[in-house]
């Protein structure tokens, strides 16, 4: 978002989700994401899924 100079509110509006949900995704606290939302995020940010997703194994 910083590289694209886009605010949380602006991104939320472009993607069609709440600013709260954008914040949850930004902080890594989200547990799931719809592919349609991921697609819209990538389109709005002009990036690939791997640019915004990171795999972290569950801690046990």
N, C-alpha and C. Protein backbone atom coordinates (compact mmCIF):
# COMPACT_ATOMS: atom_id res chain seq x y z
N UNK A 1 0.82 -1.17 0.00
CA UNK A 1 0.00 0.00 0.00
C UNK A 1 0.88 1.25 0.00
N UNK A 2 1.95 1.23 0.76
CA UNK A 2 2.83 2.39 0.82
C UNK A 2 3.46 2.67 -0.54
N UNK A 3 3.88 1.60 -1.22
CA UNK A 3 4.48 1.77 -2.55
C UNK A 3 3.49 2.36 -3.55
N UNK A 4 2.22 2.07 -3.36
CA UNK A 4 1.18 2.54 -4.28
C UNK A 4 0.54 3.84 -3.79
N UNK A 5 0.96 4.30 -2.60
CA UNK A 5 0.43 5.52 -2.00
C UNK A 5 -1.10 5.48 -1.92
N UNK A 6 -1.61 4.39 -1.35
CA UNK A 6 -3.04 4.19 -1.21
C UNK A 6 -3.39 3.97 0.26
N UNK A 7 -4.42 4.63 0.72
CA UNK A 7 -4.81 4.52 2.12
C UNK A 7 -5.66 3.28 2.35
N UNK A 8 -5.81 2.92 3.61
CA UNK A 8 -6.66 1.79 3.98
C UNK A 8 -8.08 2.01 3.50
N UNK A 9 -8.60 3.20 3.73
CA UNK A 9 -9.97 3.51 3.31
C UNK A 9 -10.16 3.45 1.81
N UNK A 10 -9.20 3.98 1.07
CA UNK A 10 -9.28 3.97 -0.39
C UNK A 10 -9.21 2.55 -0.93
N UNK A 11 -8.31 1.74 -0.38
CA UNK A 11 -8.20 0.35 -0.81
C UNK A 11 -9.48 -0.41 -0.48
N UNK A 12 -10.02 -0.19 0.70
CA UNK A 12 -11.26 -0.86 1.09
C UNK A 12 -12.38 -0.53 0.11
N UNK A 13 -12.47 0.72 -0.27
CA UNK A 13 -13.52 1.15 -1.21
C UNK A 13 -13.34 0.49 -2.58
N UNK A 14 -12.10 0.43 -3.07
CA UNK A 14 -11.82 -0.18 -4.37
C UNK A 14 -12.13 -1.67 -4.37
N UNK A 15 -11.87 -2.33 -3.25
CA UNK A 15 -12.02 -3.78 -3.16
C UNK A 15 -13.43 -4.18 -2.76
N UNK A 16 -14.11 -3.29 -2.03
CA UNK A 16 -15.47 -3.61 -1.60
C UNK A 16 -15.52 -4.32 -0.26
N UNK A 17 -14.54 -4.03 0.60
CA UNK A 17 -14.54 -4.57 1.96
C UNK A 17 -14.41 -3.41 2.93
N UNK A 18 -14.58 -3.67 4.21
CA UNK A 18 -14.50 -2.59 5.19
C UNK A 18 -13.04 -2.25 5.48
N UNK A 19 -12.79 -1.00 5.90
CA UNK A 19 -11.43 -0.65 6.32
C UNK A 19 -10.92 -1.54 7.46
N UNK A 20 -11.83 -1.97 8.33
CA UNK A 20 -11.44 -2.88 9.42
C UNK A 20 -10.89 -4.18 8.86
N UNK A 21 -11.54 -4.73 7.84
CA UNK A 21 -11.05 -5.97 7.24
C UNK A 21 -9.71 -5.78 6.53
N UNK A 22 -9.51 -4.63 5.92
CA UNK A 22 -8.19 -4.34 5.32
C UNK A 22 -7.14 -4.33 6.42
N UNK A 23 -7.44 -3.71 7.55
CA UNK A 23 -6.50 -3.67 8.66
C UNK A 23 -6.19 -5.07 9.19
N UNK A 24 -7.21 -5.91 9.28
CA UNK A 24 -7.01 -7.29 9.74
C UNK A 24 -6.07 -8.03 8.79
N UNK A 25 -6.26 -7.83 7.50
CA UNK A 25 -5.39 -8.48 6.52
C UNK A 25 -3.97 -7.91 6.61
N UNK A 26 -3.84 -6.60 6.80
CA UNK A 26 -2.53 -5.96 6.89
C UNK A 26 -1.72 -6.48 8.08
N UNK A 27 -2.39 -6.72 9.19
CA UNK A 27 -1.69 -7.14 10.40
C UNK A 27 -1.43 -8.64 10.45
N UNK A 28 -1.96 -9.37 9.47
CA UNK A 28 -1.76 -10.82 9.43
C UNK A 28 -2.66 -11.58 10.37
N UNK A 29 -3.70 -10.93 10.88
CA UNK A 29 -4.60 -11.59 11.82
C UNK A 29 -5.76 -12.29 11.13
N UNK A 30 -5.88 -12.12 9.83
CA UNK A 30 -6.94 -12.80 9.08
C UNK A 30 -6.67 -14.28 8.99
N UNK A 31 -7.71 -15.08 9.07
CA UNK A 31 -7.56 -16.53 9.00
C UNK A 31 -7.89 -17.08 7.63
N UNK A 32 -8.61 -16.28 6.81
CA UNK A 32 -9.00 -16.74 5.49
C UNK A 32 -9.27 -15.53 4.60
N UNK A 33 -9.21 -15.76 3.30
CA UNK A 33 -9.54 -14.71 2.34
C UNK A 33 -10.18 -15.36 1.12
N UNK A 34 -11.21 -14.77 0.62
CA UNK A 34 -11.85 -15.29 -0.59
C UNK A 34 -10.95 -15.00 -1.78
N UNK A 35 -10.96 -15.91 -2.74
CA UNK A 35 -10.18 -15.69 -3.95
C UNK A 35 -10.64 -14.44 -4.68
N UNK A 36 -11.93 -14.16 -4.65
CA UNK A 36 -12.44 -12.96 -5.32
C UNK A 36 -11.89 -11.69 -4.66
N UNK A 37 -11.76 -11.71 -3.33
CA UNK A 37 -11.19 -10.57 -2.61
C UNK A 37 -9.70 -10.44 -2.92
N UNK A 38 -9.00 -11.55 -2.94
CA UNK A 38 -7.58 -11.56 -3.27
C UNK A 38 -7.37 -11.00 -4.67
N UNK A 39 -8.21 -11.41 -5.60
CA UNK A 39 -8.11 -10.92 -6.97
C UNK A 39 -8.31 -9.40 -7.02
N UNK A 40 -9.30 -8.89 -6.29
CA UNK A 40 -9.56 -7.45 -6.27
C UNK A 40 -8.40 -6.69 -5.61
N UNK A 41 -7.83 -7.26 -4.55
CA UNK A 41 -6.68 -6.63 -3.92
C UNK A 41 -5.51 -6.53 -4.88
N UNK A 42 -5.25 -7.62 -5.58
CA UNK A 42 -4.14 -7.64 -6.54
C UNK A 42 -4.37 -6.64 -7.67
N UNK A 43 -5.60 -6.55 -8.12
CA UNK A 43 -5.92 -5.59 -9.18
C UNK A 43 -5.73 -4.16 -8.69
N UNK A 44 -6.24 -3.85 -7.49
CA UNK A 44 -6.14 -2.50 -6.94
C UNK A 44 -4.68 -2.11 -6.66
N UNK A 45 -3.87 -3.08 -6.25
CA UNK A 45 -2.48 -2.80 -5.90
C UNK A 45 -1.50 -3.10 -7.03
N UNK A 46 -2.02 -3.62 -8.15
CA UNK A 46 -1.20 -3.99 -9.31
C UNK A 46 -0.04 -4.88 -8.87
N UNK A 47 -0.42 -6.02 -8.26
CA UNK A 47 0.58 -6.95 -7.76
C UNK A 47 0.12 -8.40 -7.97
N UNK A 48 0.93 -9.32 -7.55
CA UNK A 48 0.64 -10.74 -7.62
C UNK A 48 0.30 -11.24 -6.21
N UNK A 49 -0.47 -12.34 -6.09
CA UNK A 49 -0.82 -12.86 -4.76
C UNK A 49 0.41 -13.08 -3.87
N UNK A 50 1.48 -13.57 -4.43
CA UNK A 50 2.69 -13.82 -3.65
C UNK A 50 3.32 -12.55 -3.08
N UNK A 51 2.96 -11.40 -3.63
CA UNK A 51 3.47 -10.13 -3.12
C UNK A 51 2.80 -9.74 -1.81
N UNK A 52 1.60 -10.29 -1.55
CA UNK A 52 0.88 -9.88 -0.35
C UNK A 52 0.56 -11.04 0.60
N UNK A 53 0.81 -12.26 0.16
CA UNK A 53 0.56 -13.43 1.02
C UNK A 53 1.87 -14.04 1.48
N UNK A 54 1.84 -14.56 2.70
CA UNK A 54 3.00 -15.25 3.25
C UNK A 54 2.51 -16.48 3.98
N UNK A 55 3.15 -17.61 3.73
CA UNK A 55 2.80 -18.84 4.42
C UNK A 55 3.52 -18.90 5.75
N UNK A 56 2.75 -19.14 6.80
CA UNK A 56 3.33 -19.33 8.13
C UNK A 56 2.68 -20.57 8.74
N UNK A 57 3.47 -21.61 9.01
CA UNK A 57 2.88 -22.80 9.62
C UNK A 57 2.30 -22.48 10.99
N UNK A 58 1.22 -23.16 11.34
CA UNK A 58 0.60 -22.96 12.64
C UNK A 58 1.55 -23.36 13.74
N UNK A 59 1.58 -22.56 14.77
CA UNK A 59 2.38 -22.90 15.96
C UNK A 59 1.59 -23.89 16.80
N UNK A 60 2.22 -24.92 17.26
CA UNK A 60 1.55 -25.92 18.10
C UNK A 60 2.16 -25.98 19.46
